[in-house]
Amino acid sequence: MSIKPTAAPVSGTAAPTSPPPVTPMGWMHTARFLTTAAQLHHLPPIAVPEIAFVGRSNAGKSTCINTLTQQKQLAYASKRPGRTQHINLFSLGKQGLTDAVLADLPGYGYAAVPKQDKIRWQRVMANYLVTRENLKGIVLLCDPRLGLTELDEVLLDVIRPRVQEGLKFLILLTKADKLTRVEGAKALSIARLQAGGGEAKLFSALKKQGVDEVAQLLWDWSHEAPSDPDAAQSPTAAQTALGHEPGNEEDEPPSED
């Protein structure tokens, strides 16, 4: 068998250059609005990894997303906390290709929101967190001056089975610039204990603390080798934790923003 020689490059012709490597922050900057959904069944099926941002109203969720993506108005912060009741999806990827999705879930726990709305969104979030097949990771945002609340603890109970099976999880302590070094270290130590199998980090949009680190973590989550698709978590126990009864999949229409 003969081997044909490779043609020599033409003198004076530059060899093709590879595109510059994608940095996590550059990747985050590609974020663009994908869709919004008032109910779970309106969410499109997506094959790429999805990372959800959850947290109490006023925990700094929108600010965090906008800081990570270096876009001032990508994530919408309602002037009436607790009234944003849609799940917003943002796609990530260079040159129009989507290799991951960020999900901005409604804030919870705001006192002025009617009780029935709180209960409904607890159920919606529980359904999303335990049934979204492509969900790769969850970022729980928390104001370290307040610590995890009762609703945060309920959310932790909901996702714990999935975290134990490999779902990525991060407690992100926002507004870290308002803490002293000692207070920050103490809050981080407590959060790491509460995170169980997840992680905890300090974050400040004002001082840009933790921004590069979190971007790198989200990149790693989204580009990890896929796990066993057969290892799916049964949603029954987790759904029940937030008041969901198996077989009741109907969601009430949300209030408008």
C-alpha atoms as a PDB file:
ATOM      1  CA  MET A   1       0.000   0.000   0.000  1.00  0.00           C
ATOM      2  CA  SER A   2       1.425   3.355  -0.991  1.00  0.00           C
ATOM      3  CA  ILE A   3       1.117   6.488   1.110  1.00  0.00           C
ATOM      4  CA  LYS A   4       0.641   9.707  -0.750  1.00  0.00           C
ATOM      5  CA  PRO A   5       2.904  12.495   0.454  1.00  0.00           C
ATOM      6  CA  THR A   6       1.313  15.552   2.034  1.00  0.00           C
ATOM      7  CA  ALA A   7       1.574  18.643  -0.137  1.00  0.00           C
ATOM      8  CA  ALA A   8       4.062  21.174   1.168  1.00  0.00           C
ATOM      9  CA  PRO A   9       2.649  24.574   2.126  1.00  0.00           C
ATOM     10  CA  VAL A  10       3.023  27.263  -0.501  1.00  0.00           C
ATOM     11  CA  SER A  11       5.799  29.659   0.373  1.00  0.00           C
ATOM     12  CA  GLY A  12       4.503  32.936   1.779  1.00  0.00           C
ATOM     13  CA  THR A  13       1.059  31.511   2.651  1.00  0.00           C
ATOM     14  CA  ALA A  14       0.157  31.704   6.331  1.00  0.00           C
ATOM     15  CA  ALA A  15      -1.056  28.491   7.899  1.00  0.00           C
ATOM     16  CA  PRO A  16      -4.679  28.614   9.113  1.00  0.00           C
ATOM     17  CA  THR A  17      -4.916  29.715  12.723  1.00  0.00           C
ATOM     18  CA  SER A  18      -7.116  28.120  15.329  1.00  0.00           C
ATOM     19  CA  PRO A  19      -9.792  30.321  16.931  1.00  0.00           C
ATOM     20  CA  PRO A  20      -8.808  31.716  20.327  1.00  0.00           C
ATOM     21  CA  PRO A  21      -9.829  29.491  23.248  1.00  0.00           C
ATOM     22  CA  VAL A  22     -13.118  30.314  24.908  1.00  0.00           C
ATOM     23  CA  THR A  23     -12.718  31.651  28.437  1.00  0.00           C
ATOM     24  CA  PRO A  24     -15.475  31.063  31.013  1.00  0.00           C
ATOM     25  CA  MET A  25     -16.169  34.803  31.267  1.00  0.00           C
ATOM     26  CA  GLY A  26     -16.230  35.115  27.475  1.00  0.00           C
ATOM     27  CA  TRP A  27     -18.620  32.181  27.342  1.00  0.00           C
ATOM     28  CA  MET A  28     -20.900  33.763  29.947  1.00  0.00           C
ATOM     29  CA  HIS A  29     -20.955  36.975  27.918  1.00  0.00           C
ATOM     30  CA  THR A  30     -22.628  35.096  25.047  1.00  0.00           C
ATOM     31  CA  ALA A  31     -25.809  34.755  27.132  1.00  0.00           C
ATOM     32  CA  ARG A  32     -28.932  35.808  25.261  1.00  0.00           C
ATOM     33  CA  PHE A  33     -32.640  35.581  25.972  1.00  0.00           C
ATOM     34  CA  LEU A  34     -34.173  32.308  24.846  1.00  0.00           C
ATOM     35  CA  THR A  35     -37.749  32.145  26.135  1.00  0.00           C
ATOM     36  CA  THR A  36     -40.006  32.750  29.109  1.00  0.00           C
ATOM     37  CA  ALA A  37     -42.602  30.377  30.537  1.00  0.00           C
ATOM     38  CA  ALA A  38     -45.504  31.027  32.871  1.00  0.00           C
ATOM     39  CA  GLN A  39     -46.103  27.324  33.406  1.00  0.00           C
ATOM     40  CA  LEU A  40     -43.845  24.286  33.409  1.00  0.00           C
ATOM     41  CA  HIS A  41     -45.380  22.659  30.378  1.00  0.00           C
ATOM     42  CA  HIS A  42     -44.544  25.781  28.377  1.00  0.00           C
ATOM     43  CA  LEU A  43     -40.807  25.182  28.840  1.00  0.00           C
ATOM     44  CA  PRO A  44     -39.250  23.770  25.674  1.00  0.00           C
ATOM     45  CA  PRO A  45     -37.443  20.415  25.880  1.00  0.00           C
ATOM     46  CA  ILE A  46     -33.715  21.142  25.776  1.00  0.00           C
ATOM     47  CA  ALA A  47     -30.886  18.655  25.279  1.00  0.00           C
ATOM     48  CA  VAL A  48     -28.018  20.817  26.563  1.00  0.00           C
ATOM     49  CA  PRO A  49     -27.180  21.268  30.272  1.00  0.00           C
ATOM     50  CA  GLU A  50     -29.361  23.701  32.189  1.00  0.00           C
ATOM     51  CA  ILE A  51     -28.306  25.592  35.323  1.00  0.00           C
ATOM     52  CA  ALA A  52     -31.013  27.098  37.535  1.00  0.00           C
ATOM     53  CA  PHE A  53     -30.660  30.218  39.676  1.00  0.00           C
ATOM     54  CA  VAL A  54     -33.008  30.245  42.663  1.00  0.00           C
ATOM     55  CA  GLY A  55     -33.349  32.273  45.826  1.00  0.00           C
ATOM     56  CA  ARG A  56     -35.443  34.592  47.925  1.00  0.00           C
ATOM     57  CA  SER A  57     -36.658  37.883  46.545  1.00  0.00           C
ATOM     58  CA  ASN A  58     -34.003  40.562  47.128  1.00  0.00           C
ATOM     59  CA  ALA A  59     -31.207  37.971  47.382  1.00  0.00           C
ATOM     60  CA  GLY A  60     -29.516  39.581  44.381  1.00  0.00           C
ATOM     61  CA  LYS A  61     -30.346  36.934  41.786  1.00  0.00           C
ATOM     62  CA  SER A  62     -30.844  39.243  38.799  1.00  0.00           C
ATOM     63  CA  THR A  63     -27.781  41.291  39.724  1.00  0.00           C
ATOM     64  CA  CYS A  64     -25.724  38.112  39.944  1.00  0.00           C
ATOM     65  CA  ILE A  65     -26.807  36.872  36.510  1.00  0.00           C
ATOM     66  CA  ASN A  66     -26.202  40.277  34.929  1.00  0.00           C
ATOM     67  CA  THR A  67     -22.764  40.519  36.541  1.00  0.00           C
ATOM     68  CA  LEU A  68     -21.705  37.047  35.418  1.00  0.00           C
ATOM     69  CA  THR A  69     -22.872  37.682  31.852  1.00  0.00           C
ATOM     70  CA  GLN A  70     -21.527  41.273  31.820  1.00  0.00           C
ATOM     71  CA  GLN A  71     -24.912  42.515  30.645  1.00  0.00           C
ATOM     72  CA  LYS A  72     -26.808  45.173  32.555  1.00  0.00           C
ATOM     73  CA  GLN A  73     -30.371  44.155  31.744  1.00  0.00           C
ATOM     74  CA  LEU A  74     -30.342  40.505  30.735  1.00  0.00           C
ATOM     75  CA  ALA A  75     -32.116  39.302  33.876  1.00  0.00           C
ATOM     76  CA  TYR A  76     -35.086  41.405  34.879  1.00  0.00           C
ATOM     77  CA  ALA A  77     -35.372  42.668  38.456  1.00  0.00           C
ATOM     78  CA  SER A  78     -38.962  43.597  39.224  1.00  0.00           C
ATOM     79  CA  LYS A  79     -39.634  46.846  41.049  1.00  0.00           C
ATOM     80  CA  ARG A  80     -42.154  44.848  43.043  1.00  0.00           C
ATOM     81  CA  PRO A  81     -40.188  42.003  44.681  1.00  0.00           C
ATOM     82  CA  GLY A  82     -41.904  38.653  44.477  1.00  0.00           C
ATOM     83  CA  ARG A  83     -44.078  39.603  41.515  1.00  0.00           C
ATOM     84  CA  THR A  84     -41.874  38.194  38.760  1.00  0.00           C
ATOM     85  CA  GLN A  85     -43.588  34.856  38.222  1.00  0.00           C
ATOM     86  CA  HIS A  86     -42.069  33.424  35.085  1.00  0.00           C
ATOM     87  CA  ILE A  87     -39.179  31.079  34.431  1.00  0.00           C
ATOM     88  CA  ASN A  88     -36.786  32.842  32.060  1.00  0.00           C
ATOM     89  CA  LEU A  89     -34.259  30.899  29.998  1.00  0.00           C
ATOM     90  CA  PHE A  90     -31.025  32.288  28.550  1.00  0.00           C
ATOM     91  CA  SER A  91     -28.889  30.381  26.062  1.00  0.00           C
ATOM     92  CA  LEU A  92     -25.087  30.284  26.133  1.00  0.00           C
ATOM     93  CA  GLY A  93     -22.725  29.502  23.292  1.00  0.00           C
ATOM     94  CA  LYS A  94     -20.471  31.050  20.688  1.00  0.00           C
ATOM     95  CA  GLN A  95     -21.502  31.825  17.101  1.00  0.00           C
ATOM     96  CA  GLY A  96     -25.194  31.207  17.681  1.00  0.00           C
ATOM     97  CA  LEU A  97     -24.669  27.663  18.937  1.00  0.00           C
ATOM     98  CA  THR A  98     -26.197  26.743  22.297  1.00  0.00           C
ATOM     99  CA  ASP A  99     -24.157  24.513  24.585  1.00  0.00           C
ATOM    100  CA  ALA A 100     -25.878  25.408  27.884  1.00  0.00           C
ATOM    101  CA  VAL A 101     -28.887  27.272  29.277  1.00  0.00           C
ATOM    102  CA  LEU A 102     -29.343  29.430  32.368  1.00  0.00           C
ATOM    103  CA  ALA A 103     -32.750  29.361  34.059  1.00  0.00           C
ATOM    104  CA  ASP A 104     -33.829  32.331  36.172  1.00  0.00           C
ATOM    105  CA  LEU A 105     -36.541  31.104  38.536  1.00  0.00           C
ATOM    106  CA  PRO A 106     -38.945  33.442  40.353  1.00  0.00           C
ATOM    107  CA  GLY A 107     -37.855  34.767  43.725  1.00  0.00           C
ATOM    108  CA  TYR A 108     -39.765  33.485  46.713  1.00  0.00           C
ATOM    109  CA  GLY A 109     -40.570  34.462  50.288  1.00  0.00           C
ATOM    110  CA  TYR A 110     -41.653  38.070  49.787  1.00  0.00           C
ATOM    111  CA  ALA A 111     -44.191  38.963  52.492  1.00  0.00           C
ATOM    112  CA  ALA A 112     -46.498  41.072  50.266  1.00  0.00           C
ATOM    113  CA  VAL A 113     -47.242  38.185  47.902  1.00  0.00           C
ATOM    114  CA  PRO A 114     -50.587  36.459  48.609  1.00  0.00           C
ATOM    115  CA  LYS A 115     -50.293  33.106  50.347  1.00  0.00           C
ATOM    116  CA  GLN A 116     -51.923  31.209  47.475  1.00  0.00           C
ATOM    117  CA  ASP A 117     -49.313  32.581  45.073  1.00  0.00           C
ATOM    118  CA  LYS A 118     -46.524  31.494  47.395  1.00  0.00           C
ATOM    119  CA  ILE A 119     -47.917  27.980  47.646  1.00  0.00           C
ATOM    120  CA  ARG A 120     -48.420  27.726  43.901  1.00  0.00           C
ATOM    121  CA  TRP A 121     -44.875  28.800  43.111  1.00  0.00           C
ATOM    122  CA  GLN A 122     -43.451  26.476  45.731  1.00  0.00           C
ATOM    123  CA  ARG A 123     -45.143  23.660  43.837  1.00  0.00           C
ATOM    124  CA  VAL A 124     -44.013  24.938  40.447  1.00  0.00           C
ATOM    125  CA  MET A 125     -40.417  25.186  41.636  1.00  0.00           C
ATOM    126  CA  ALA A 126     -40.549  21.742  43.225  1.00  0.00           C
ATOM    127  CA  ASN A 127     -41.840  20.263  39.973  1.00  0.00           C
ATOM    128  CA  TYR A 128     -39.165  22.014  37.963  1.00  0.00           C
ATOM    129  CA  LEU A 129     -36.288  21.079  40.263  1.00  0.00           C
ATOM    130  CA  VAL A 130     -37.134  17.394  40.387  1.00  0.00           C
ATOM    131  CA  THR A 131     -38.484  16.755  36.882  1.00  0.00           C
ATOM    132  CA  ARG A 132     -36.400  18.919  34.552  1.00  0.00           C
ATOM    133  CA  GLU A 133     -34.415  16.208  32.800  1.00  0.00           C
ATOM    134  CA  ASN A 134     -31.552  18.348  31.511  1.00  0.00           C
ATOM    135  CA  LEU A 135     -31.030  20.192  34.816  1.00  0.00           C
ATOM    136  CA  LYS A 136     -27.295  20.006  35.474  1.00  0.00           C
ATOM    137  CA  GLY A 137     -26.846  22.317  38.438  1.00  0.00           C
ATOM    138  CA  ILE A 138     -28.548  24.681  40.871  1.00  0.00           C
ATOM    139  CA  VAL A 139     -27.235  27.970  42.232  1.00  0.00           C
ATOM    140  CA  LEU A 140     -29.028  28.989  45.433  1.00  0.00           C
ATOM    141  CA  LEU A 141     -28.459  32.661  46.177  1.00  0.00           C
ATOM    142  CA  CYS A 142     -28.498  33.779  49.789  1.00  0.00           C
ATOM    143  CA  ASP A 143     -27.893  37.061  51.591  1.00  0.00           C
ATOM    144  CA  PRO A 144     -25.310  35.985  54.191  1.00  0.00           C
ATOM    145  CA  ARG A 145     -26.524  38.644  56.608  1.00  0.00           C
ATOM    146  CA  LEU A 146     -29.823  36.781  56.839  1.00  0.00           C
ATOM    147  CA  GLY A 147     -28.609  33.218  56.317  1.00  0.00           C
ATOM    148  CA  LEU A 148     -30.736  30.412  54.932  1.00  0.00           C
ATOM    149  CA  THR A 149     -34.416  30.818  55.708  1.00  0.00           C
ATOM    150  CA  GLU A 150     -37.066  28.180  56.287  1.00  0.00           C
ATOM    151  CA  LEU A 151     -38.020  28.248  52.604  1.00  0.00           C
ATOM    152  CA  ASP A 152     -34.364  27.833  51.630  1.00  0.00           C
ATOM    153  CA  GLU A 153     -34.170  24.799  53.905  1.00  0.00           C
ATOM    154  CA  VAL A 154     -37.271  23.317  52.273  1.00  0.00           C
ATOM    155  CA  LEU A 155     -35.670  23.804  48.870  1.00  0.00           C
ATOM    156  CA  LEU A 156     -32.537  22.031  50.102  1.00  0.00           C
ATOM    157  CA  ASP A 157     -34.683  19.082  51.191  1.00  0.00           C
ATOM    158  CA  VAL A 158     -36.299  18.993  47.740  1.00  0.00           C
ATOM    159  CA  ILE A 159     -33.051  18.848  45.793  1.00  0.00           C
ATOM    160  CA  ARG A 160     -30.982  16.748  48.219  1.00  0.00           C
ATOM    161  CA  PRO A 161     -31.846  13.391  46.545  1.00  0.00           C
ATOM    162  CA  ARG A 162     -30.747  14.742  43.164  1.00  0.00           C
ATOM    163  CA  VAL A 163     -27.587  16.265  44.620  1.00  0.00           C
ATOM    164  CA  GLN A 164     -26.728  12.903  46.135  1.00  0.00           C
ATOM    165  CA  GLU A 165     -27.105  11.376  42.663  1.00  0.00           C
ATOM    166  CA  GLY A 166     -24.787  13.891  41.035  1.00  0.00           C
ATOM    167  CA  LEU A 167     -26.723  17.133  40.486  1.00  0.00           C
ATOM    168  CA  LYS A 168     -24.327  20.060  40.914  1.00  0.00           C
ATOM    169  CA  PHE A 169     -25.208  22.521  43.675  1.00  0.00           C
ATOM    170  CA  LEU A 170     -23.808  25.838  44.864  1.00  0.00           C
ATOM    171  CA  ILE A 171     -24.849  28.143  47.698  1.00  0.00           C
ATOM    172  CA  LEU A 172     -23.776  31.592  46.554  1.00  0.00           C
ATOM    173  CA  LEU A 173     -23.479  34.145  49.345  1.00  0.00           C
ATOM    174  CA  THR A 174     -24.256  37.434  47.623  1.00  0.00           C
ATOM    175  CA  LYS A 175     -23.519  40.977  48.838  1.00  0.00           C
ATOM    176  CA  ALA A 176     -20.286  39.732  50.419  1.00  0.00           C
ATOM    177  CA  ASP A 177     -18.907  43.264  50.275  1.00  0.00           C
ATOM    178  CA  LYS A 178     -21.193  44.135  53.196  1.00  0.00           C
ATOM    179  CA  LEU A 179     -19.383  41.640  55.443  1.00  0.00           C
ATOM    180  CA  THR A 180     -16.105  41.981  57.276  1.00  0.00           C
ATOM    181  CA  ARG A 181     -13.427  39.411  56.557  1.00  0.00           C
ATOM    182  CA  VAL A 182     -14.288  37.562  59.771  1.00  0.00           C
ATOM    183  CA  GLU A 183     -18.030  37.657  59.067  1.00  0.00           C
ATOM    184  CA  GLY A 184     -17.460  36.401  55.539  1.00  0.00           C
ATOM    185  CA  ALA A 185     -15.322  33.504  56.727  1.00  0.00           C
ATOM    186  CA  LYS A 186     -17.946  32.527  59.308  1.00  0.00           C
ATOM    187  CA  ALA A 187     -20.834  32.733  56.822  1.00  0.00           C
ATOM    188  CA  LEU A 188     -18.888  30.653  54.301  1.00  0.00           C
ATOM    189  CA  SER A 189     -18.088  27.995  56.885  1.00  0.00           C
ATOM    190  CA  ILE A 190     -21.765  27.689  57.867  1.00  0.00           C
ATOM    191  CA  ALA A 191     -22.924  27.578  54.233  1.00  0.00           C
ATOM    192  CA  ARG A 192     -20.470  24.797  53.405  1.00  0.00           C
ATOM    193  CA  LEU A 193     -22.016  22.685  56.150  1.00  0.00           C
ATOM    194  CA  GLN A 194     -25.529  23.438  54.913  1.00  0.00           C
ATOM    195  CA  ALA A 195     -24.626  22.685  51.308  1.00  0.00           C
ATOM    196  CA  GLY A 196     -24.327  18.963  51.982  1.00  0.00           C
ATOM    197  CA  GLY A 197     -22.810  17.486  48.846  1.00  0.00           C
ATOM    198  CA  GLY A 198     -22.645  20.896  47.170  1.00  0.00           C
ATOM    199  CA  GLU A 199     -20.342  23.898  47.354  1.00  0.00           C
ATOM    200  CA  ALA A 200     -20.485  27.396  48.838  1.00  0.00           C
ATOM    201  CA  LYS A 201     -18.817  30.612  47.695  1.00  0.00           C
ATOM    202  CA  LEU A 202     -18.779  34.325  48.516  1.00  0.00           C
ATOM    203  CA  PHE A 203     -19.901  36.706  45.789  1.00  0.00           C
ATOM    204  CA  SER A 204     -20.018  40.471  45.377  1.00  0.00           C
ATOM    205  CA  ALA A 205     -21.283  42.140  42.223  1.00  0.00           C
ATOM    206  CA  LEU A 206     -19.992  45.480  43.492  1.00  0.00           C
ATOM    207  CA  LYS A 207     -16.431  44.323  44.173  1.00  0.00           C
ATOM    208  CA  LYS A 208     -16.481  41.592  41.496  1.00  0.00           C
ATOM    209  CA  GLN A 209     -15.575  39.090  44.196  1.00  0.00           C
ATOM    210  CA  GLY A 210     -16.027  35.478  43.102  1.00  0.00           C
ATOM    211  CA  VAL A 211     -17.161  36.398  39.574  1.00  0.00           C
ATOM    212  CA  ASP A 212     -14.381  34.613  37.666  1.00  0.00           C
ATOM    213  CA  GLU A 213     -14.527  31.671  40.053  1.00  0.00           C
ATOM    214  CA  VAL A 214     -18.273  31.150  39.611  1.00  0.00           C
ATOM    215  CA  ALA A 215     -18.027  31.539  35.816  1.00  0.00           C
ATOM    216  CA  GLN A 216     -15.366  28.828  35.767  1.00  0.00           C
ATOM    217  CA  LEU A 217     -17.539  26.556  37.910  1.00  0.00           C
ATOM    218  CA  LEU A 218     -20.564  26.960  35.634  1.00  0.00           C
ATOM    219  CA  TRP A 219     -18.369  26.275  32.609  1.00  0.00           C
ATOM    220  CA  ASP A 220     -17.076  23.094  34.228  1.00  0.00           C
ATOM    221  CA  TRP A 221     -20.598  21.962  35.106  1.00  0.00           C
ATOM    222  CA  SER A 222     -21.823  22.528  31.554  1.00  0.00           C
ATOM    223  CA  HIS A 223     -18.928  20.811  29.797  1.00  0.00           C
ATOM    224  CA  GLU A 224     -18.581  17.744  31.977  1.00  0.00           C
ATOM    225  CA  ALA A 225     -18.915  14.301  30.413  1.00  0.00           C
ATOM    226  CA  PRO A 226     -22.587  13.202  30.519  1.00  0.00           C
ATOM    227  CA  SER A 227     -23.609  10.909  33.344  1.00  0.00           C
ATOM    228  CA  ASP A 228     -25.687   7.728  33.162  1.00  0.00           C
ATOM    229  CA  PRO A 229     -29.095   8.749  31.732  1.00  0.00           C
ATOM    230  CA  ASP A 230     -30.756   5.787  33.447  1.00  0.00           C
ATOM    231  CA  ALA A 231     -29.958   7.153  36.899  1.00  0.00           C
ATOM    232  CA  ALA A 232     -33.061   9.327  37.102  1.00  0.00           C
ATOM    233  CA  GLN A 233     -34.446  10.575  40.413  1.00  0.00           C
ATOM    234  CA  SER A 234     -38.005   9.704  41.272  1.00  0.00           C
ATOM    235  CA  PRO A 235     -39.787  12.987  41.992  1.00  0.00           C
ATOM    236  CA  THR A 236     -42.464  11.779  44.391  1.00  0.00           C
ATOM    237  CA  ALA A 237     -40.816  12.444  47.774  1.00  0.00           C
ATOM    238  CA  ALA A 238     -39.273  15.734  46.724  1.00  0.00           C
ATOM    239  CA  GLN A 239     -42.481  17.017  45.194  1.00  0.00           C
ATOM    240  CA  THR A 240     -44.397  16.163  48.344  1.00  0.00           C
ATOM    241  CA  ALA A 241     -41.912  18.219  50.394  1.00  0.00           C
ATOM    242  CA  LEU A 242     -43.247  21.425  48.811  1.00  0.00           C
ATOM    243  CA  GLY A 243     -46.869  20.388  48.781  1.00  0.00           C
ATOM    244  CA  HIS A 244     -47.077  18.669  45.391  1.00  0.00           C
ATOM    245  CA  GLU A 245     -49.370  15.685  45.135  1.00  0.00           C
ATOM    246  CA  PRO A 246     -48.364  13.112  42.506  1.00  0.00           C
ATOM    247  CA  GLY A 247     -50.762  13.103  39.594  1.00  0.00           C
ATOM    248  CA  ASN A 248     -51.653  16.789  39.987  1.00  0.00           C
ATOM    249  CA  GLU A 249     -49.628  18.449  37.243  1.00  0.00           C
ATOM    250  CA  GLU A 250     -51.904  21.402  36.506  1.00  0.00           C
ATOM    251  CA  ASP A 251     -50.457  24.837  37.291  1.00  0.00           C
ATOM    252  CA  GLU A 252     -52.537  27.943  37.908  1.00  0.00           C
ATOM    253  CA  PRO A 253     -51.941  30.886  35.566  1.00  0.00           C
ATOM    254  CA  PRO A 254     -49.471  33.359  37.088  1.00  0.00           C
ATOM    255  CA  SER A 255     -49.998  36.990  37.973  1.00  0.00           C
ATOM    256  CA  GLU A 256     -48.570  39.345  35.406  1.00  0.00           C
ATOM    257  CA  ASP A 257     -45.380  41.237  36.240  1.00  0.00           C
END
